[in-house]
Amino acid sequence: MEQYTTIEGDTVDLIAYNRFGVTHGATEAILRANPGLAAKGTKLPQGMTINIPAFVVKKVNTAARIWS
């Protein structure tokens, strides 16, 4: 598990996006790896060390076929 020290203006979803390129699922994984983190508020305190768990981004095919 990787550790990250927060900087001014960090939010959990911003950290998730910067680290994994997505927020869906990654934000929840970070919150699960850091019990009580959600209670710190939307913007995290600067200098806080949090755990960044391993997370695999699932690729979804979003192409729609409109003609057969």
PDB file of N, CA and C in Angstrom:
ATOM      1  N   MET A   1       0.850  -1.174   0.000  1.00  0.00           N
ATOM      2  CA  MET A   1       0.000   0.000   0.000  1.00  0.00           C
ATOM      3  C   MET A   1       0.894   1.236   0.000  1.00  0.00           C
ATOM      4  N   GLU A   2       0.581   2.153  -0.851  1.00  0.00           N
ATOM      5  CA  GLU A   2       1.327   3.410  -0.996  1.00  0.00           C
ATOM      6  C   GLU A   2       0.803   4.429   0.016  1.00  0.00           C
ATOM      7  N   GLN A   3       1.651   5.335   0.445  1.00  0.00           N
ATOM      8  CA  GLN A   3       1.220   6.422   1.318  1.00  0.00           C
ATOM      9  C   GLN A   3       1.339   7.744   0.574  1.00  0.00           C
ATOM     10  N   TYR A   4       0.451   8.666   0.925  1.00  0.00           N
ATOM     11  CA  TYR A   4       0.408   9.975   0.284  1.00  0.00           C
ATOM     12  C   TYR A   4       0.233  11.025   1.373  1.00  0.00           C
ATOM     13  N   THR A   5       0.969  12.122   1.266  1.00  0.00           N
ATOM     14  CA  THR A   5       0.821  13.240   2.193  1.00  0.00           C
ATOM     15  C   THR A   5       0.050  14.344   1.485  1.00  0.00           C
ATOM     16  N   THR A   6      -1.046  14.748   2.090  1.00  0.00           N
ATOM     17  CA  THR A   6      -1.933  15.728   1.462  1.00  0.00           C
ATOM     18  C   THR A   6      -1.287  17.107   1.350  1.00  0.00           C
ATOM     19  N   ILE A   7      -1.730  17.825   0.331  1.00  0.00           N
ATOM     20  CA  ILE A   7      -1.321  19.214   0.136  1.00  0.00           C
ATOM     21  C   ILE A   7      -2.569  20.088   0.220  1.00  0.00           C
ATOM     22  N   GLU A   8      -2.380  21.376   0.272  1.00  0.00           N
ATOM     23  CA  GLU A   8      -3.489  22.306   0.399  1.00  0.00           C
ATOM     24  C   GLU A   8      -4.483  22.112  -0.750  1.00  0.00           C
ATOM     25  N   GLY A   9      -5.747  21.996  -0.410  1.00  0.00           N
ATOM     26  CA  GLY A   9      -6.803  21.868  -1.406  1.00  0.00           C
ATOM     27  C   GLY A   9      -7.136  20.445  -1.810  1.00  0.00           C
ATOM     28  N   ASP A  10      -6.428  19.455  -1.272  1.00  0.00           N
ATOM     29  CA  ASP A  10      -6.699  18.058  -1.620  1.00  0.00           C
ATOM     30  C   ASP A  10      -8.076  17.607  -1.135  1.00  0.00           C
ATOM     31  N   THR A  11      -8.731  16.829  -1.976  1.00  0.00           N
ATOM     32  CA  THR A  11      -9.950  16.118  -1.617  1.00  0.00           C
ATOM     33  C   THR A  11      -9.711  14.653  -1.972  1.00  0.00           C
ATOM     34  N   VAL A  12     -10.500  13.762  -1.416  1.00  0.00           N
ATOM     35  CA  VAL A  12     -10.294  12.341  -1.688  1.00  0.00           C
ATOM     36  C   VAL A  12     -10.516  12.053  -3.170  1.00  0.00           C
ATOM     37  N   ASP A  13     -11.561  12.636  -3.754  1.00  0.00           N
ATOM     38  CA  ASP A  13     -11.803  12.360  -5.175  1.00  0.00           C
ATOM     39  C   ASP A  13     -10.731  12.958  -6.077  1.00  0.00           C
ATOM     40  N   LEU A  14     -10.138  14.078  -5.707  1.00  0.00           N
ATOM     41  CA  LEU A  14      -9.045  14.654  -6.493  1.00  0.00           C
ATOM     42  C   LEU A  14      -7.807  13.756  -6.424  1.00  0.00           C
ATOM     43  N   ILE A  15      -7.524  13.238  -5.243  1.00  0.00           N
ATOM     44  CA  ILE A  15      -6.391  12.314  -5.087  1.00  0.00           C
ATOM     45  C   ILE A  15      -6.632  11.065  -5.930  1.00  0.00           C
ATOM     46  N   ALA A  16      -7.849  10.529  -5.875  1.00  0.00           N
ATOM     47  CA  ALA A  16      -8.196   9.336  -6.653  1.00  0.00           C
ATOM     48  C   ALA A  16      -8.024   9.597  -8.147  1.00  0.00           C
ATOM     49  N   TYR A  17      -8.505  10.745  -8.616  1.00  0.00           N
ATOM     50  CA  TYR A  17      -8.395  11.068 -10.045  1.00  0.00           C
ATOM     51  C   TYR A  17      -6.935  11.244 -10.461  1.00  0.00           C
ATOM     52  N   ASN A  18      -6.170  11.953  -9.652  1.00  0.00           N
ATOM     53  CA  ASN A  18      -4.756  12.174  -9.985  1.00  0.00           C
ATOM     54  C   ASN A  18      -3.954  10.878  -9.980  1.00  0.00           C
ATOM     55  N   ARG A  19      -4.291   9.958  -9.089  1.00  0.00           N
ATOM     56  CA  ARG A  19      -3.538   8.705  -8.975  1.00  0.00           C
ATOM     57  C   ARG A  19      -3.985   7.642  -9.980  1.00  0.00           C
ATOM     58  N   PHE A  20      -5.314   7.525 -10.189  1.00  0.00           N
ATOM     59  CA  PHE A  20      -5.852   6.432 -11.003  1.00  0.00           C
ATOM     60  C   PHE A  20      -6.517   6.879 -12.309  1.00  0.00           C
ATOM     61  N   GLY A  21      -6.773   8.180 -12.464  1.00  0.00           N
ATOM     62  CA  GLY A  21      -7.426   8.667 -13.683  1.00  0.00           C
ATOM     63  C   GLY A  21      -8.936   8.538 -13.662  1.00  0.00           C
ATOM     64  N   VAL A  22      -9.490   8.048 -12.567  1.00  0.00           N
ATOM     65  CA  VAL A  22     -10.941   7.923 -12.388  1.00  0.00           C
ATOM     66  C   VAL A  22     -11.273   8.225 -10.936  1.00  0.00           C
ATOM     67  N   THR A  23     -12.543   8.531 -10.689  1.00  0.00           N
ATOM     68  CA  THR A  23     -12.977   8.706  -9.301  1.00  0.00           C
ATOM     69  C   THR A  23     -13.887   7.571  -8.861  1.00  0.00           C
ATOM     70  N   HIS A  24     -14.728   7.080  -9.784  1.00  0.00           N
ATOM     71  CA  HIS A  24     -15.697   6.026  -9.448  1.00  0.00           C
ATOM     72  C   HIS A  24     -14.970   4.748  -9.023  1.00  0.00           C
ATOM     73  N   GLY A  25     -15.215   4.339  -7.824  1.00  0.00           N
ATOM     74  CA  GLY A  25     -14.567   3.140  -7.284  1.00  0.00           C
ATOM     75  C   GLY A  25     -13.259   3.452  -6.573  1.00  0.00           C
ATOM     76  N   ALA A  26     -12.448   4.314  -7.162  1.00  0.00           N
ATOM     77  CA  ALA A  26     -11.155   4.653  -6.563  1.00  0.00           C
ATOM     78  C   ALA A  26     -11.341   5.490  -5.291  1.00  0.00           C
ATOM     79  N   THR A  27     -12.283   6.418  -5.320  1.00  0.00           N
ATOM     80  CA  THR A  27     -12.561   7.235  -4.134  1.00  0.00           C
ATOM     81  C   THR A  27     -13.014   6.344  -2.982  1.00  0.00           C
ATOM     82  N   GLU A  28     -13.903   5.419  -3.289  1.00  0.00           N
ATOM     83  CA  GLU A  28     -14.409   4.509  -2.274  1.00  0.00           C
ATOM     84  C   GLU A  28     -13.295   3.617  -1.720  1.00  0.00           C
ATOM     85  N   ALA A  29     -12.377   3.174  -2.586  1.00  0.00           N
ATOM     86  CA  ALA A  29     -11.262   2.331  -2.150  1.00  0.00           C
ATOM     87  C   ALA A  29     -10.356   3.099  -1.188  1.00  0.00           C
ATOM     88  N   ILE A  30     -10.101   4.366  -1.475  1.00  0.00           N
ATOM     89  CA  ILE A  30      -9.269   5.183  -0.584  1.00  0.00           C
ATOM     90  C   ILE A  30      -9.971   5.377   0.760  1.00  0.00           C
ATOM     91  N   LEU A  31     -11.264   5.633   0.726  1.00  0.00           N
ATOM     92  CA  LEU A  31     -12.005   5.809   1.975  1.00  0.00           C
ATOM     93  C   LEU A  31     -12.021   4.521   2.806  1.00  0.00           C
ATOM     94  N   ARG A  32     -12.147   3.364   2.150  1.00  0.00           N
ATOM     95  CA  ARG A  32     -12.117   2.088   2.876  1.00  0.00           C
ATOM     96  C   ARG A  32     -10.745   1.830   3.505  1.00  0.00           C
ATOM     97  N   ALA A  33      -9.694   2.264   2.845  1.00  0.00           N
ATOM     98  CA  ALA A  33      -8.335   2.048   3.343  1.00  0.00           C
ATOM     99  C   ALA A  33      -7.967   3.008   4.469  1.00  0.00           C
ATOM    100  N   ASN A  34      -8.799   4.015   4.695  1.00  0.00           N
ATOM    101  CA  ASN A  34      -8.515   5.037   5.709  1.00  0.00           C
ATOM    102  C   ASN A  34      -9.756   5.300   6.562  1.00  0.00           C
ATOM    103  N   PRO A  35     -10.058   4.407   7.495  1.00  0.00           N
ATOM    104  CA  PRO A  35     -11.238   4.607   8.347  1.00  0.00           C
ATOM    105  C   PRO A  35     -11.195   5.979   9.031  1.00  0.00           C
ATOM    106  N   GLY A  36     -12.333   6.665   9.013  1.00  0.00           N
ATOM    107  CA  GLY A  36     -12.436   7.979   9.641  1.00  0.00           C
ATOM    108  C   GLY A  36     -12.042   9.134   8.737  1.00  0.00           C
ATOM    109  N   LEU A  37     -11.557   8.841   7.539  1.00  0.00           N
ATOM    110  CA  LEU A  37     -11.100   9.900   6.638  1.00  0.00           C
ATOM    111  C   LEU A  37     -12.254  10.800   6.195  1.00  0.00           C
ATOM    112  N   ALA A  38     -13.417  10.219   5.954  1.00  0.00           N
ATOM    113  CA  ALA A  38     -14.578  11.012   5.515  1.00  0.00           C
ATOM    114  C   ALA A  38     -14.976  12.043   6.566  1.00  0.00           C
ATOM    115  N   ALA A  39     -14.725  11.753   7.837  1.00  0.00           N
ATOM    116  CA  ALA A  39     -15.073  12.672   8.918  1.00  0.00           C
ATOM    117  C   ALA A  39     -14.191  13.921   8.931  1.00  0.00           C
ATOM    118  N   LYS A  40     -13.088  13.912   8.181  1.00  0.00           N
ATOM    119  CA  LYS A  40     -12.180  15.062   8.139  1.00  0.00           C
ATOM    120  C   LYS A  40     -12.754  16.207   7.309  1.00  0.00           C
ATOM    121  N   GLY A  41     -13.827  15.937   6.557  1.00  0.00           N
ATOM    122  CA  GLY A  41     -14.452  16.974   5.743  1.00  0.00           C
ATOM    123  C   GLY A  41     -14.089  16.828   4.279  1.00  0.00           C
ATOM    124  N   THR A  42     -14.659  17.701   3.466  1.00  0.00           N
ATOM    125  CA  THR A  42     -14.441  17.632   2.028  1.00  0.00           C
ATOM    126  C   THR A  42     -12.990  17.907   1.668  1.00  0.00           C
ATOM    127  N   LYS A  43     -12.462  19.026   2.153  1.00  0.00           N
ATOM    128  CA  LYS A  43     -11.045  19.344   1.911  1.00  0.00           C
ATOM    129  C   LYS A  43     -10.238  18.791   3.067  1.00  0.00           C
ATOM    130  N   LEU A  44      -9.250  17.981   2.715  1.00  0.00           N
ATOM    131  CA  LEU A  44      -8.433  17.334   3.741  1.00  0.00           C
ATOM    132  C   LEU A  44      -7.391  18.297   4.306  1.00  0.00           C
ATOM    133  N   PRO A  45      -7.044  18.126   5.583  1.00  0.00           N
ATOM    134  CA  PRO A  45      -6.001  18.972   6.167  1.00  0.00           C
ATOM    135  C   PRO A  45      -4.658  18.733   5.470  1.00  0.00           C
ATOM    136  N   GLN A  46      -3.923  19.800   5.269  1.00  0.00           N
ATOM    137  CA  GLN A  46      -2.596  19.713   4.663  1.00  0.00           C
ATOM    138  C   GLN A  46      -1.653  18.960   5.587  1.00  0.00           C
ATOM    139  N   GLY A  47      -0.796  18.099   5.002  1.00  0.00           N
ATOM    140  CA  GLY A  47       0.210  17.381   5.771  1.00  0.00           C
ATOM    141  C   GLY A  47      -0.262  16.065   6.362  1.00  0.00           C
ATOM    142  N   MET A  48      -1.481  15.670   6.043  1.00  0.00           N
ATOM    143  CA  MET A  48      -2.031  14.413   6.549  1.00  0.00           C
ATOM    144  C   MET A  48      -1.526  13.255   5.688  1.00  0.00           C
ATOM    145  N   THR A  49      -1.101  12.163   6.306  1.00  0.00           N
ATOM    146  CA  THR A  49      -0.652  10.993   5.562  1.00  0.00           C
ATOM    147  C   THR A  49      -1.801   9.999   5.463  1.00  0.00           C
ATOM    148  N   ILE A  50      -2.137   9.604   4.221  1.00  0.00           N
ATOM    149  CA  ILE A  50      -3.206   8.638   4.006  1.00  0.00           C
ATOM    150  C   ILE A  50      -2.678   7.457   3.189  1.00  0.00           C
ATOM    151  N   ASN A  51      -3.378   6.347   3.291  1.00  0.00           N
ATOM    152  CA  ASN A  51      -3.026   5.149   2.539  1.00  0.00           C
ATOM    153  C   ASN A  51      -3.725   5.152   1.187  1.00  0.00           C
ATOM    154  N   ILE A  52      -2.981   4.826   0.151  1.00  0.00           N
ATOM    155  CA  ILE A  52      -3.529   4.682  -1.195  1.00  0.00           C
ATOM    156  C   ILE A  52      -3.454   3.198  -1.545  1.00  0.00           C
ATOM    157  N   PRO A  53      -4.610   2.527  -1.591  1.00  0.00           N
ATOM    158  CA  PRO A  53      -4.598   1.090  -1.850  1.00  0.00           C
ATOM    159  C   PRO A  53      -4.366   0.790  -3.329  1.00  0.00           C
ATOM    160  N   ALA A  54      -4.025  -0.454  -3.603  1.00  0.00           N
ATOM    161  CA  ALA A  54      -3.943  -0.901  -4.998  1.00  0.00           C
ATOM    162  C   ALA A  54      -5.357  -0.859  -5.562  1.00  0.00           C
ATOM    163  N   PHE A  55      -5.493  -0.371  -6.767  1.00  0.00           N
ATOM    164  CA  PHE A  55      -6.814  -0.272  -7.395  1.00  0.00           C
ATOM    165  C   PHE A  55      -6.641  -0.500  -8.885  1.00  0.00           C
ATOM    166  N   VAL A  56      -7.471  -1.357  -9.436  1.00  0.00           N
ATOM    167  CA  VAL A  56      -7.416  -1.652 -10.859  1.00  0.00           C
ATOM    168  C   VAL A  56      -8.601  -0.976 -11.529  1.00  0.00           C
ATOM    169  N   VAL A  57      -8.316  -0.136 -12.510  1.00  0.00           N
ATOM    170  CA  VAL A  57      -9.364   0.558 -13.245  1.00  0.00           C
ATOM    171  C   VAL A  57      -9.978  -0.423 -14.243  1.00  0.00           C
ATOM    172  N   LYS A  58     -11.288  -0.596 -14.142  1.00  0.00           N
ATOM    173  CA  LYS A  58     -11.989  -1.489 -15.066  1.00  0.00           C
ATOM    174  C   LYS A  58     -12.382  -0.697 -16.310  1.00  0.00           C
ATOM    175  N   LYS A  59     -11.983  -1.223 -17.461  1.00  0.00           N
ATOM    176  CA  LYS A  59     -12.331  -0.560 -18.715  1.00  0.00           C
ATOM    177  C   LYS A  59     -13.724  -0.986 -19.134  1.00  0.00           C
ATOM    178  N   VAL A  60     -14.527   0.000 -19.509  1.00  0.00           N
ATOM    179  CA  VAL A  60     -15.897  -0.257 -19.917  1.00  0.00           C
ATOM    180  C   VAL A  60     -16.046   0.171 -21.366  1.00  0.00           C
ATOM    181  N   ASN A  61     -16.622  -0.694 -22.167  1.00  0.00           N
ATOM    182  CA  ASN A  61     -16.880  -0.347 -23.562  1.00  0.00           C
ATOM    183  C   ASN A  61     -18.144   0.504 -23.606  1.00  0.00           C
ATOM    184  N   THR A  62     -18.000   1.775 -23.964  1.00  0.00           N
ATOM    185  CA  THR A  62     -19.125   2.678 -23.968  1.00  0.00           C
ATOM    186  C   THR A  62     -19.696   2.932 -25.352  1.00  0.00           C
ATOM    187  N   ALA A  63     -19.172   2.229 -26.359  1.00  0.00           N
ATOM    188  CA  ALA A  63     -19.655   2.412 -27.726  1.00  0.00           C
ATOM    189  C   ALA A  63     -21.065   1.844 -27.859  1.00  0.00           C
ATOM    190  N   ALA A  64     -21.913   2.578 -28.526  1.00  0.00           N
ATOM    191  CA  ALA A  64     -23.269   2.120 -28.768  1.00  0.00           C
ATOM    192  C   ALA A  64     -23.443   1.849 -30.257  1.00  0.00           C
ATOM    193  N   ARG A  65     -24.080   0.759 -30.537  1.00  0.00           N
ATOM    194  CA  ARG A  65     -24.352   0.407 -31.938  1.00  0.00           C
ATOM    195  C   ARG A  65     -25.767   0.870 -32.260  1.00  0.00           C
ATOM    196  N   ILE A  66     -25.896   1.827 -33.172  1.00  0.00           N
ATOM    197  CA  ILE A  66     -27.224   2.358 -33.466  1.00  0.00           C
ATOM    198  C   ILE A  66     -27.825   1.774 -34.743  1.00  0.00           C
ATOM    199  N   TRP A  67     -27.037   1.119 -35.590  1.00  0.00           N
ATOM    200  CA  TRP A  67     -27.558   0.436 -36.763  1.00  0.00           C
ATOM    201  C   TRP A  67     -27.091  -1.014 -36.741  1.00  0.00           C
ATOM    202  N   SER A  68     -27.952  -1.916 -37.217  1.00  0.00           N
ATOM    203  CA  SER A  68     -27.543  -3.304 -37.247  1.00  0.00           C
ATOM    204  C   SER A  68     -26.888  -3.687 -38.542  1.00  0.00           C
TER     205      SER A  68
END
